[in-house]
Amino acid sequence: MAKTSRADLRTTADYQFGRGAGDALFPAEAHLEIDYSTGGRPSQIHAPDGRLASMGTDGRFTLGFAGGRRLHDHLDAPAYRVYVGDESEPFVRDGENTFAKFVDRSGPEIRPGDEVLVVHEDGELLGVGRAELSAGGMQDFRTGMAVMVREGVDEYVGSGG
């Protein structure tokens, strides 16, 4: 089985996050280290600034903080963003989950299972993770987990990223 090419990675990212996301995550000229599974599927994609993404068995990317930062710089707000205020900021920075009652607003396209950027209300990227609720659910529910945070900015900085 042939290994997935960089162009294939970009196509998958465009499909998952929207046009141009692939170029933002995996630019043609960038140095990438891609670890492949025995079947040729990319399992981890790293750049000098850290882990960009992993590819799940479902063919979708899970973001590392470095990849989240690239998407944050590329995607027009509020796309794939979950906004929180001062009360949640220190917890998300440390990689703690985000609960619905602390979500101020979110990108309207977000569905459960989507990879999202957790950002402060001022726009600063705090963490990356998986949405557990839809955008509407994050607004409507007062209890429950909104985002399972995978990596916070303080964890990323602590890892040398």
N, C-alpha and C. Protein backbone atom coordinates (compact mmCIF):
# COMPACT_ATOMS: atom_id res chain seq x y z
N MET A 1 0.84 -1.18 0.00
CA MET A 1 0.00 0.00 0.00
C MET A 1 0.89 1.25 0.00
N ALA A 2 0.57 2.21 -0.84
CA ALA A 2 1.36 3.43 -0.97
C ALA A 2 1.16 4.34 0.23
N LYS A 3 2.23 5.02 0.60
CA LYS A 3 2.13 5.98 1.70
C LYS A 3 1.34 7.20 1.25
N THR A 4 0.66 7.81 2.21
CA THR A 4 -0.10 9.03 1.95
C THR A 4 0.87 10.17 1.66
N SER A 5 0.60 10.92 0.61
CA SER A 5 1.47 12.03 0.23
C SER A 5 1.10 13.30 0.99
N ARG A 6 1.97 14.28 0.93
CA ARG A 6 1.70 15.58 1.55
C ARG A 6 0.47 16.23 0.91
N ALA A 7 0.31 16.05 -0.41
CA ALA A 7 -0.88 16.59 -1.09
C ALA A 7 -2.15 15.94 -0.54
N ASP A 8 -2.09 14.64 -0.25
CA ASP A 8 -3.24 13.95 0.34
C ASP A 8 -3.55 14.50 1.74
N LEU A 9 -2.51 14.79 2.50
CA LEU A 9 -2.71 15.36 3.84
C LEU A 9 -3.41 16.72 3.72
N ARG A 10 -2.98 17.53 2.77
CA ARG A 10 -3.59 18.85 2.57
C ARG A 10 -5.05 18.71 2.16
N THR A 11 -5.34 17.77 1.28
CA THR A 11 -6.72 17.55 0.84
C THR A 11 -7.60 17.15 2.02
N THR A 12 -7.11 16.26 2.86
CA THR A 12 -7.88 15.83 4.04
C THR A 12 -8.12 17.01 4.98
N ALA A 13 -7.10 17.82 5.21
CA ALA A 13 -7.26 18.98 6.09
C ALA A 13 -8.26 19.98 5.51
N ASP A 14 -8.21 20.20 4.20
CA ASP A 14 -9.18 21.10 3.55
C ASP A 14 -10.60 20.58 3.74
N TYR A 15 -10.77 19.28 3.60
CA TYR A 15 -12.09 18.68 3.77
C TYR A 15 -12.57 18.84 5.21
N GLN A 16 -11.68 18.61 6.16
CA GLN A 16 -12.06 18.63 7.58
C GLN A 16 -12.26 20.05 8.11
N PHE A 17 -11.40 21.00 7.70
CA PHE A 17 -11.42 22.34 8.30
C PHE A 17 -11.78 23.46 7.33
N GLY A 18 -11.85 23.16 6.05
CA GLY A 18 -12.18 24.20 5.07
C GLY A 18 -11.00 24.54 4.18
N ARG A 19 -11.33 25.16 3.06
CA ARG A 19 -10.34 25.51 2.04
C ARG A 19 -9.16 26.28 2.62
N GLY A 20 -7.97 25.84 2.26
CA GLY A 20 -6.75 26.50 2.69
C GLY A 20 -6.16 25.94 3.97
N ALA A 21 -6.93 25.14 4.71
CA ALA A 21 -6.43 24.58 5.97
C ALA A 21 -5.24 23.65 5.72
N GLY A 22 -5.27 22.92 4.61
CA GLY A 22 -4.17 22.01 4.30
C GLY A 22 -2.87 22.75 4.07
N ASP A 23 -2.94 23.87 3.34
CA ASP A 23 -1.73 24.66 3.12
C ASP A 23 -1.24 25.28 4.42
N ALA A 24 -2.16 25.65 5.31
CA ALA A 24 -1.78 26.22 6.60
C ALA A 24 -1.09 25.18 7.48
N LEU A 25 -1.65 23.96 7.51
CA LEU A 25 -1.09 22.91 8.36
C LEU A 25 0.18 22.30 7.77
N PHE A 26 0.15 22.04 6.47
CA PHE A 26 1.24 21.30 5.83
C PHE A 26 1.76 22.03 4.60
N PRO A 27 2.36 23.20 4.76
CA PRO A 27 2.85 23.94 3.58
C PRO A 27 3.87 23.12 2.79
N ALA A 28 3.87 23.32 1.49
CA ALA A 28 4.73 22.52 0.61
C ALA A 28 6.20 22.64 0.98
N GLU A 29 6.64 23.83 1.39
CA GLU A 29 8.07 24.04 1.65
C GLU A 29 8.48 23.69 3.08
N ALA A 30 7.55 23.36 3.94
CA ALA A 30 7.86 23.13 5.36
C ALA A 30 8.50 21.76 5.58
N HIS A 31 9.37 21.71 6.58
CA HIS A 31 9.96 20.44 7.00
C HIS A 31 8.95 19.72 7.88
N LEU A 32 8.57 18.52 7.47
CA LEU A 32 7.65 17.71 8.26
C LEU A 32 8.27 16.35 8.50
N GLU A 33 8.03 15.83 9.69
CA GLU A 33 8.39 14.44 9.99
C GLU A 33 7.08 13.69 10.10
N ILE A 34 6.90 12.70 9.22
CA ILE A 34 5.65 11.95 9.19
C ILE A 34 5.95 10.51 9.56
N ASP A 35 5.31 10.05 10.64
CA ASP A 35 5.41 8.65 11.05
C ASP A 35 4.24 7.92 10.43
N TYR A 36 4.52 6.77 9.82
CA TYR A 36 3.49 5.99 9.14
C TYR A 36 3.21 4.68 9.88
N SER A 37 1.96 4.26 9.84
CA SER A 37 1.60 2.95 10.36
C SER A 37 2.08 1.89 9.37
N THR A 38 2.01 0.64 9.74
CA THR A 38 2.45 -0.42 8.86
C THR A 38 1.62 -0.47 7.57
N GLY A 39 0.41 0.05 7.60
CA GLY A 39 -0.45 0.06 6.41
C GLY A 39 -0.23 1.28 5.52
N GLY A 40 0.69 2.16 5.90
CA GLY A 40 0.99 3.34 5.09
C GLY A 40 0.20 4.57 5.47
N ARG A 41 -0.65 4.47 6.49
CA ARG A 41 -1.44 5.62 6.95
C ARG A 41 -0.57 6.48 7.85
N PRO A 42 -0.58 7.81 7.65
CA PRO A 42 0.21 8.66 8.55
C PRO A 42 -0.38 8.61 9.96
N SER A 43 0.47 8.38 10.94
CA SER A 43 -0.04 8.32 12.30
C SER A 43 0.27 9.61 13.07
N GLN A 44 1.44 10.16 12.90
CA GLN A 44 1.83 11.41 13.57
C GLN A 44 2.53 12.31 12.57
N ILE A 45 2.22 13.60 12.61
CA ILE A 45 2.87 14.57 11.74
C ILE A 45 3.46 15.66 12.63
N HIS A 46 4.78 15.78 12.59
CA HIS A 46 5.50 16.74 13.42
C HIS A 46 6.22 17.76 12.54
N ALA A 47 6.39 18.95 13.07
CA ALA A 47 7.19 20.01 12.46
C ALA A 47 8.16 20.48 13.54
N PRO A 48 9.13 21.32 13.18
CA PRO A 48 10.06 21.80 14.20
C PRO A 48 9.37 22.47 15.40
N ASP A 49 8.18 23.05 15.19
CA ASP A 49 7.49 23.73 16.30
C ASP A 49 6.59 22.79 17.10
N GLY A 50 6.56 21.49 16.79
CA GLY A 50 5.79 20.55 17.59
C GLY A 50 4.89 19.67 16.76
N ARG A 51 4.03 18.89 17.46
CA ARG A 51 3.12 17.97 16.77
C ARG A 51 2.00 18.77 16.13
N LEU A 52 1.87 18.60 14.82
CA LEU A 52 0.80 19.28 14.09
C LEU A 52 -0.50 18.52 14.22
N ALA A 53 -0.44 17.22 13.98
CA ALA A 53 -1.66 16.43 14.00
C ALA A 53 -1.32 14.95 14.02
N SER A 54 -2.30 14.17 14.38
CA SER A 54 -2.27 12.72 14.24
C SER A 54 -3.46 12.37 13.37
N MET A 55 -3.35 11.28 12.64
CA MET A 55 -4.49 10.85 11.84
C MET A 55 -5.11 9.64 12.52
N GLY A 56 -6.40 9.76 12.82
CA GLY A 56 -7.11 8.66 13.44
C GLY A 56 -7.45 7.58 12.43
N THR A 57 -7.89 6.46 12.94
CA THR A 57 -8.27 5.36 12.05
C THR A 57 -9.49 5.72 11.21
N ASP A 58 -10.21 6.78 11.61
CA ASP A 58 -11.37 7.24 10.82
C ASP A 58 -10.95 8.17 9.68
N GLY A 59 -9.64 8.44 9.56
CA GLY A 59 -9.14 9.29 8.48
C GLY A 59 -9.21 10.77 8.77
N ARG A 60 -9.57 11.14 9.99
CA ARG A 60 -9.63 12.55 10.38
C ARG A 60 -8.44 12.88 11.27
N PHE A 61 -8.08 14.16 11.23
CA PHE A 61 -6.96 14.62 12.04
C PHE A 61 -7.40 14.94 13.46
N THR A 62 -6.51 14.66 14.41
CA THR A 62 -6.62 15.20 15.74
C THR A 62 -5.46 16.18 15.86
N LEU A 63 -5.74 17.36 16.36
CA LEU A 63 -4.76 18.43 16.37
C LEU A 63 -3.82 18.37 17.57
N GLY A 64 -2.56 18.68 17.31
CA GLY A 64 -1.62 19.02 18.35
C GLY A 64 -1.67 20.54 18.50
N PHE A 65 -1.08 21.09 19.56
CA PHE A 65 -1.15 22.53 19.76
C PHE A 65 -0.50 23.29 18.61
N ALA A 66 0.63 22.78 18.10
CA ALA A 66 1.31 23.46 16.98
C ALA A 66 0.39 23.53 15.76
N GLY A 67 -0.33 22.47 15.48
CA GLY A 67 -1.29 22.48 14.38
C GLY A 67 -2.45 23.43 14.65
N GLY A 68 -2.90 23.44 15.90
CA GLY A 68 -3.97 24.37 16.27
C GLY A 68 -3.55 25.81 16.09
N ARG A 69 -2.29 26.10 16.41
CA ARG A 69 -1.80 27.47 16.24
C ARG A 69 -1.79 27.85 14.76
N ARG A 70 -1.39 26.92 13.90
CA ARG A 70 -1.40 27.20 12.46
C ARG A 70 -2.82 27.45 11.95
N LEU A 71 -3.78 26.64 12.40
CA LEU A 71 -5.17 26.86 11.97
C LEU A 71 -5.73 28.16 12.55
N HIS A 72 -5.37 28.46 13.79
CA HIS A 72 -5.81 29.70 14.43
C HIS A 72 -5.36 30.91 13.62
N ASP A 73 -4.14 30.84 13.10
CA ASP A 73 -3.61 31.93 12.29
C ASP A 73 -4.25 32.00 10.91
N HIS A 74 -4.82 30.90 10.44
CA HIS A 74 -5.36 30.84 9.08
C HIS A 74 -6.88 30.99 9.00
N LEU A 75 -7.60 30.28 9.85
CA LEU A 75 -9.06 30.25 9.75
C LEU A 75 -9.68 31.56 10.21
N ASP A 76 -10.67 32.02 9.47
CA ASP A 76 -11.39 33.23 9.88
C ASP A 76 -12.24 32.92 11.11
N ALA A 77 -12.14 33.77 12.12
CA ALA A 77 -12.95 33.60 13.33
C ALA A 77 -14.41 33.80 12.96
N PRO A 78 -15.31 33.07 13.56
CA PRO A 78 -15.17 32.13 14.68
C PRO A 78 -15.04 30.67 14.28
N ALA A 79 -14.63 30.36 13.06
CA ALA A 79 -14.58 28.99 12.56
C ALA A 79 -13.78 28.07 13.50
N TYR A 80 -14.41 26.98 13.88
CA TYR A 80 -13.81 25.93 14.71
C TYR A 80 -13.24 26.45 16.02
N ARG A 81 -13.79 27.53 16.51
CA ARG A 81 -13.34 28.11 17.79
C ARG A 81 -14.44 28.01 18.84
N VAL A 82 -14.01 27.73 20.06
CA VAL A 82 -14.89 27.75 21.22
C VAL A 82 -14.30 28.80 22.16
N TYR A 83 -15.08 29.84 22.44
CA TYR A 83 -14.59 30.97 23.23
C TYR A 83 -14.97 30.82 24.70
N VAL A 84 -13.99 31.07 25.56
CA VAL A 84 -14.20 31.05 27.00
C VAL A 84 -13.67 32.35 27.60
N GLY A 85 -14.12 32.64 28.82
CA GLY A 85 -13.70 33.86 29.50
C GLY A 85 -12.60 33.60 30.51
N ASP A 86 -12.38 34.61 31.34
CA ASP A 86 -11.30 34.58 32.33
C ASP A 86 -11.42 33.42 33.31
N GLU A 87 -12.66 33.04 33.63
CA GLU A 87 -12.86 31.98 34.63
C GLU A 87 -12.28 30.64 34.17
N SER A 88 -12.38 30.35 32.88
CA SER A 88 -11.89 29.06 32.36
C SER A 88 -10.46 29.11 31.86
N GLU A 89 -9.96 30.29 31.58
CA GLU A 89 -8.65 30.42 30.95
C GLU A 89 -7.54 29.61 31.61
N PRO A 90 -7.32 29.72 32.93
CA PRO A 90 -6.19 28.99 33.51
C PRO A 90 -6.34 27.47 33.40
N PHE A 91 -7.57 26.99 33.42
CA PHE A 91 -7.80 25.54 33.36
C PHE A 91 -7.52 25.01 31.95
N VAL A 92 -7.99 25.73 30.94
CA VAL A 92 -7.76 25.31 29.56
C VAL A 92 -6.26 25.38 29.25
N ARG A 93 -5.59 26.42 29.72
CA ARG A 93 -4.14 26.53 29.52
C ARG A 93 -3.41 25.29 30.03
N ASP A 94 -3.91 24.73 31.12
CA ASP A 94 -3.30 23.54 31.73
C ASP A 94 -3.80 22.24 31.13
N GLY A 95 -4.65 22.33 30.09
CA GLY A 95 -5.14 21.13 29.43
C GLY A 95 -6.38 20.53 30.04
N GLU A 96 -7.06 21.30 30.90
CA GLU A 96 -8.30 20.81 31.51
C GLU A 96 -9.47 21.01 30.54
N ASN A 97 -10.48 20.17 30.67
CA ASN A 97 -11.63 20.22 29.78
C ASN A 97 -12.46 21.50 29.96
N THR A 98 -13.20 21.83 28.92
CA THR A 98 -14.06 23.02 28.91
C THR A 98 -15.50 22.58 29.08
N PHE A 99 -16.20 23.20 30.00
CA PHE A 99 -17.60 22.84 30.27
C PHE A 99 -18.54 23.86 29.66
N ALA A 100 -19.72 23.37 29.26
CA ALA A 100 -20.69 24.18 28.51
C ALA A 100 -21.02 25.49 29.21
N LYS A 101 -21.16 25.48 30.52
CA LYS A 101 -21.58 26.70 31.21
C LYS A 101 -20.54 27.83 31.11
N PHE A 102 -19.31 27.48 30.69
CA PHE A 102 -18.26 28.50 30.58
C PHE A 102 -18.01 28.93 29.13
N VAL A 103 -18.74 28.36 28.19
CA VAL A 103 -18.58 28.73 26.78
C VAL A 103 -19.37 30.01 26.50
N ASP A 104 -18.67 31.03 26.01
CA ASP A 104 -19.31 32.29 25.67
C ASP A 104 -19.97 32.23 24.30
N ARG A 105 -19.26 31.67 23.33
CA ARG A 105 -19.78 31.49 21.97
C ARG A 105 -18.90 30.48 21.26
N SER A 106 -19.34 30.07 20.08
CA SER A 106 -18.58 29.07 19.33
C SER A 106 -18.91 29.18 17.85
N GLY A 107 -18.02 28.64 17.02
CA GLY A 107 -18.25 28.62 15.58
C GLY A 107 -19.51 27.83 15.28
N PRO A 108 -20.41 28.36 14.46
CA PRO A 108 -21.71 27.72 14.23
C PRO A 108 -21.63 26.37 13.54
N GLU A 109 -20.50 26.06 12.89
CA GLU A 109 -20.37 24.80 12.16
C GLU A 109 -19.98 23.63 13.04
N ILE A 110 -19.64 23.87 14.30
CA ILE A 110 -19.09 22.82 15.17
C ILE A 110 -20.14 21.75 15.46
N ARG A 111 -19.70 20.50 15.26
CA ARG A 111 -20.52 19.33 15.57
C ARG A 111 -19.77 18.46 16.58
N PRO A 112 -20.48 17.62 17.30
CA PRO A 112 -19.77 16.71 18.22
C PRO A 112 -18.74 15.88 17.46
N GLY A 113 -17.55 15.77 18.03
CA GLY A 113 -16.47 15.02 17.41
C GLY A 113 -15.51 15.86 16.59
N ASP A 114 -15.88 17.11 16.29
CA ASP A 114 -15.00 17.99 15.53
C ASP A 114 -13.79 18.41 16.37
N GLU A 115 -12.67 18.58 15.70
CA GLU A 115 -11.49 19.16 16.34
C GLU A 115 -11.70 20.66 16.41
N VAL A 116 -11.44 21.24 17.58
CA VAL A 116 -11.69 22.67 17.78
C VAL A 116 -10.52 23.35 18.48
N LEU A 117 -10.52 24.67 18.36
CA LEU A 117 -9.57 25.53 19.04
C LEU A 117 -10.31 26.18 20.20
N VAL A 118 -9.77 26.08 21.39
CA VAL A 118 -10.36 26.77 22.53
C VAL A 118 -9.59 28.06 22.71
N VAL A 119 -10.32 29.18 22.62
CA VAL A 119 -9.69 30.49 22.65
C VAL A 119 -10.33 31.36 23.73
N HIS A 120 -9.52 32.29 24.22
CA HIS A 120 -10.01 33.28 25.19
C HIS A 120 -10.89 34.25 24.43
N GLU A 121 -11.78 34.92 25.13
CA GLU A 121 -12.67 35.89 24.49
C GLU A 121 -11.91 36.99 23.76
N ASP A 122 -10.62 37.21 24.13
CA ASP A 122 -9.81 38.21 23.43
C ASP A 122 -9.15 37.64 22.17
N GLY A 123 -9.36 36.34 21.90
CA GLY A 123 -8.85 35.71 20.69
C GLY A 123 -7.60 34.87 20.86
N GLU A 124 -6.97 34.89 22.04
CA GLU A 124 -5.75 34.12 22.26
C GLU A 124 -6.06 32.62 22.28
N LEU A 125 -5.26 31.84 21.55
CA LEU A 125 -5.41 30.39 21.55
C LEU A 125 -4.93 29.82 22.89
N LEU A 126 -5.82 29.06 23.54
CA LEU A 126 -5.51 28.48 24.85
C LEU A 126 -5.27 26.98 24.79
N GLY A 127 -5.97 26.30 23.86
CA GLY A 127 -5.86 24.85 23.78
C GLY A 127 -6.55 24.29 22.56
N VAL A 128 -6.35 23.00 22.34
CA VAL A 128 -7.00 22.28 21.24
C VAL A 128 -7.66 21.03 21.81
N GLY A 129 -8.73 20.60 21.16
CA GLY A 129 -9.40 19.40 21.64
C GLY A 129 -10.55 18.99 20.75
N ARG A 130 -11.37 18.09 21.27
CA ARG A 130 -12.50 17.53 20.53
C ARG A 130 -13.82 18.04 21.12
N ALA A 131 -14.68 18.57 20.26
CA ALA A 131 -15.99 19.04 20.70
C ALA A 131 -16.83 17.84 21.14
N GLU A 132 -17.45 17.96 22.27
CA GLU A 132 -18.35 16.93 22.77
C GLU A 132 -19.81 17.30 22.50
N LEU A 133 -20.04 18.56 22.19
CA LEU A 133 -21.38 19.07 21.91
C LEU A 133 -21.34 19.86 20.61
N SER A 134 -22.50 20.05 20.01
CA SER A 134 -22.60 20.93 18.85
C SER A 134 -22.48 22.37 19.32
N ALA A 135 -22.30 23.29 18.37
CA ALA A 135 -22.24 24.71 18.72
C ALA A 135 -23.50 25.12 19.48
N GLY A 136 -24.65 24.69 18.99
CA GLY A 136 -25.91 25.02 19.66
C GLY A 136 -26.00 24.44 21.06
N GLY A 137 -25.52 23.21 21.22
CA GLY A 137 -25.53 22.58 22.53
C GLY A 137 -24.64 23.30 23.52
N MET A 138 -23.51 23.81 23.03
CA MET A 138 -22.60 24.55 23.91
C MET A 138 -23.29 25.81 24.43
N GLN A 139 -24.15 26.39 23.61
CA GLN A 139 -24.86 27.61 24.02
C GLN A 139 -26.06 27.30 24.91
N ASP A 140 -26.73 26.18 24.62
CA ASP A 140 -27.99 25.87 25.31
C ASP A 140 -27.82 25.16 26.63
N PHE A 141 -26.81 24.30 26.74
CA PHE A 141 -26.65 23.49 27.95
C PHE A 141 -25.91 24.27 29.02
N ARG A 142 -26.30 24.07 30.26
CA ARG A 142 -25.63 24.71 31.39
C ARG A 142 -24.76 23.72 32.16
N THR A 143 -24.84 22.44 31.76
CA THR A 143 -24.00 21.41 32.39
C THR A 143 -23.39 20.56 31.28
N GLY A 144 -22.37 19.82 31.64
CA GLY A 144 -21.74 18.89 30.71
C GLY A 144 -20.49 19.44 30.06
N MET A 145 -19.71 18.51 29.53
CA MET A 145 -18.45 18.87 28.90
C MET A 145 -18.71 19.35 27.47
N ALA A 146 -18.14 20.49 27.13
CA ALA A 146 -18.26 21.04 25.78
C ALA A 146 -17.08 20.60 24.92
N VAL A 147 -15.87 20.63 25.49
CA VAL A 147 -14.66 20.27 24.74
C VAL A 147 -13.76 19.42 25.63
N MET A 148 -13.37 18.26 25.09
CA MET A 148 -12.34 17.47 25.75
C MET A 148 -11.00 18.02 25.27
N VAL A 149 -10.34 18.80 26.12
CA VAL A 149 -9.10 19.47 25.74
C VAL A 149 -7.97 18.44 25.73
N ARG A 150 -7.25 18.41 24.62
CA ARG A 150 -6.16 17.47 24.44
C ARG A 150 -4.83 18.09 24.88
N GLU A 151 -4.65 19.38 24.58
CA GLU A 151 -3.39 20.03 24.92
C GLU A 151 -3.63 21.52 25.11
N GLY A 152 -3.15 22.05 26.23
CA GLY A 152 -3.25 23.47 26.51
C GLY A 152 -1.93 24.17 26.20
N VAL A 153 -1.98 25.48 26.07
CA VAL A 153 -0.80 26.26 25.71
C VAL A 153 0.32 26.08 26.73
N ASP A 154 -0.02 26.00 28.02
CA ASP A 154 1.04 25.86 29.03
C ASP A 154 1.73 24.50 28.92
N GLU A 155 0.98 23.46 28.55
CA GLU A 155 1.59 22.15 28.34
C GLU A 155 2.50 22.19 27.11
N TYR A 156 2.06 22.88 26.08
CA TYR A 156 2.82 23.00 24.82
C TYR A 156 4.13 23.73 25.08
N VAL A 157 4.05 24.87 25.77
CA VAL A 157 5.25 25.66 26.08
C VAL A 157 6.19 24.84 26.97
N GLY A 158 5.61 24.09 27.90
CA GLY A 158 6.41 23.26 28.79
C GLY A 158 7.12 22.13 28.09
N SER A 159 6.61 21.73 26.91
CA SER A 159 7.23 20.62 26.17
C SER A 159 8.30 21.11 25.21
N GLY A 160 8.58 22.42 25.24
CA GLY A 160 9.61 22.98 24.38
C GLY A 160 9.10 23.45 23.05
N GLY A 161 7.75 23.58 22.91
CA GLY A 161 7.15 23.95 21.62
C GLY A 161 7.15 25.39 21.37
